[in-house]
Amino acid sequence: MSWNKVFLCLPENAMESPEKVRDCFRRLCSTFVEVYGKQTSWIVVDEKMREKMKASIANKLVPAYGAFYAKHLMTLSGDERCMRMLTRLSLENMEKYLSGLFPGTSTILRCSQSPHASRITRFLSLSVRQ
């Protein structure tokens, strides 16, 4: 499961209609939930590698998502469902979610990361389904 799937949800060209923007955003949120949910269970023991991986994802995804978010915020804010998703998947929250990826040990995963990741995934999933 790769983050490329999330990047492919971000439009390369300007979007003309509000419906296309909303569909794109819903797809993006749904895909983010799917990829994030899977990768929160991946364990990367090497701390340097773990931090490089998180930084690599964040350094690519956050600016791309931020540009889409800023450009289409007004279009998306007119839709109640999208507003819930916008709130839950704000730029700041996305950065927080990404920082929680790839715990260092399975003990951390069982004790603290798994419930936290599950809550975030459920939280995001609810907004995508509603």
Protein backbone atom coordinates (compact mmCIF):
# COMPACT_ATOMS: atom_id res chain seq x y z
CA MET A 1 0.00 0.00 0.00
CA SER A 2 1.70 3.16 -1.16
CA TRP A 3 1.09 6.87 -0.76
CA ASN A 4 1.10 7.19 -4.55
CA LYS A 5 -2.52 6.14 -4.36
CA VAL A 6 -3.22 9.30 -2.31
CA PHE A 7 -1.16 11.52 -4.63
CA LEU A 8 -3.14 10.27 -7.61
CA CYS A 9 -6.28 11.69 -5.99
CA LEU A 10 -4.87 15.20 -6.13
CA PRO A 11 -5.72 16.90 -9.43
CA GLU A 12 -2.91 18.00 -11.71
CA ASN A 13 -5.04 20.53 -13.54
CA ALA A 14 -7.54 23.13 -12.41
CA MET A 15 -10.95 21.72 -11.66
CA GLU A 16 -13.87 23.48 -13.24
CA SER A 17 -16.96 22.35 -11.40
CA PRO A 18 -17.73 22.26 -7.69
CA GLU A 19 -18.99 18.69 -8.12
CA LYS A 20 -15.62 17.55 -9.46
CA VAL A 21 -13.83 19.29 -6.59
CA ARG A 22 -16.08 17.59 -4.03
CA ASP A 23 -15.70 14.19 -5.67
CA CYS A 24 -11.94 14.62 -5.78
CA PHE A 25 -11.81 15.63 -2.12
CA ARG A 26 -14.00 12.71 -1.03
CA ARG A 27 -11.82 10.28 -2.98
CA LEU A 28 -8.72 11.82 -1.46
CA CYS A 29 -10.08 11.50 2.09
CA SER A 30 -11.23 7.94 1.56
CA THR A 31 -7.87 6.94 0.09
CA PHE A 32 -5.97 8.71 2.86
CA VAL A 33 -7.98 6.80 5.47
CA GLU A 34 -7.26 3.51 3.69
CA VAL A 35 -3.51 4.05 3.32
CA TYR A 36 -3.06 5.63 6.73
CA GLY A 37 -5.02 2.81 8.39
CA LYS A 38 -2.78 0.18 6.84
CA GLN A 39 0.50 1.95 7.43
CA THR A 40 -0.09 2.74 11.09
CA SER A 41 0.42 -0.97 11.70
CA TRP A 42 3.76 -1.08 9.87
CA ILE A 43 6.71 -1.23 12.25
CA VAL A 44 10.02 0.42 11.39
CA VAL A 45 12.54 -0.39 14.12
CA ASP A 46 15.37 1.78 12.79
CA GLU A 47 14.66 5.26 14.15
CA LYS A 48 16.56 7.14 11.41
CA MET A 49 14.80 5.19 8.67
CA ARG A 50 11.42 5.69 10.36
CA GLU A 51 11.94 9.46 10.60
CA LYS A 52 13.18 9.65 6.99
CA MET A 53 10.12 7.77 5.77
CA LYS A 54 7.71 10.00 7.69
CA ALA A 55 9.53 13.14 6.53
CA SER A 56 9.54 11.96 2.92
CA ILE A 57 5.79 11.36 2.93
CA ALA A 58 5.01 14.60 4.77
CA ASN A 59 7.35 16.72 2.62
CA LYS A 60 5.54 15.58 -0.51
CA LEU A 61 1.95 15.16 0.65
CA VAL A 62 1.47 18.15 2.95
CA PRO A 63 2.39 20.85 0.39
CA ALA A 64 0.40 19.16 -2.40
CA TYR A 65 -2.64 18.69 -0.16
CA GLY A 66 -2.19 22.19 1.26
CA ALA A 67 -2.35 23.73 -2.21
CA PHE A 68 -5.50 21.78 -3.06
CA TYR A 69 -7.02 22.57 0.34
CA ALA A 70 -6.35 26.32 0.07
CA LYS A 71 -7.47 26.59 -3.54
CA HIS A 72 -10.76 24.76 -3.07
CA LEU A 73 -11.65 25.59 0.54
CA MET A 74 -14.48 27.93 -0.43
CA THR A 75 -15.95 25.42 -2.89
CA LEU A 76 -15.81 22.61 -0.36
CA SER A 77 -17.16 24.70 2.52
CA GLY A 78 -20.56 24.86 0.83
CA ASP A 79 -21.06 21.12 1.34
CA GLU A 80 -21.82 19.95 4.90
CA ARG A 81 -20.25 16.52 4.39
CA CYS A 82 -17.08 18.04 2.95
CA MET A 83 -16.94 20.52 5.82
CA ARG A 84 -16.81 17.65 8.31
CA MET A 85 -14.01 16.07 6.31
CA LEU A 86 -12.20 19.42 5.98
CA THR A 87 -12.29 19.82 9.73
CA ARG A 88 -11.04 16.32 10.40
CA LEU A 89 -8.44 16.34 7.65
CA SER A 90 -7.17 19.87 8.06
CA LEU A 91 -3.60 20.52 7.07
CA GLU A 92 -2.56 20.58 10.73
CA ASN A 93 -4.34 17.28 11.44
CA MET A 94 -2.80 15.64 8.39
CA GLU A 95 0.64 16.53 9.71
CA LYS A 96 -0.27 15.01 13.09
CA TYR A 97 -1.57 11.82 11.48
CA LEU A 98 1.58 11.44 9.39
CA SER A 99 3.81 11.93 12.42
CA GLY A 100 2.17 8.87 14.01
CA LEU A 101 3.15 6.48 11.24
CA PHE A 102 5.55 3.56 11.60
CA PRO A 103 5.92 2.84 15.31
CA GLY A 104 9.31 1.52 16.38
CA THR A 105 8.28 -1.72 18.08
CA SER A 106 5.38 -4.09 18.22
CA THR A 107 5.10 -3.36 21.95
CA ILE A 108 4.42 0.29 21.19
CA LEU A 109 1.93 -0.78 18.57
CA ARG A 110 0.02 -3.03 20.95
CA CYS A 111 0.10 -0.72 23.94
CA SER A 112 -0.51 2.71 22.54
CA GLN A 113 -0.28 3.17 18.79
CA SER A 114 -2.94 0.73 17.73
CA PRO A 115 -5.84 2.22 19.73
CA HIS A 116 -4.80 5.74 18.74
CA ALA A 117 -4.51 4.79 15.08
CA SER A 118 -7.84 2.99 15.25
CA ARG A 119 -9.55 6.07 16.68
CA ILE A 120 -8.12 8.32 13.99
CA THR A 121 -9.04 5.88 11.24
CA ARG A 122 -12.58 5.49 12.61
CA PHE A 123 -12.84 9.26 13.06
CA LEU A 124 -11.78 9.92 9.47
CA SER A 125 -13.82 7.02 8.09
CA LEU A 126 -17.01 8.34 9.64
CA SER A 127 -16.63 11.65 7.89
CA VAL A 128 -15.95 9.98 4.54
CA ARG A 129 -19.05 7.77 4.81
CA GLN A 130 -21.44 10.48 6.01
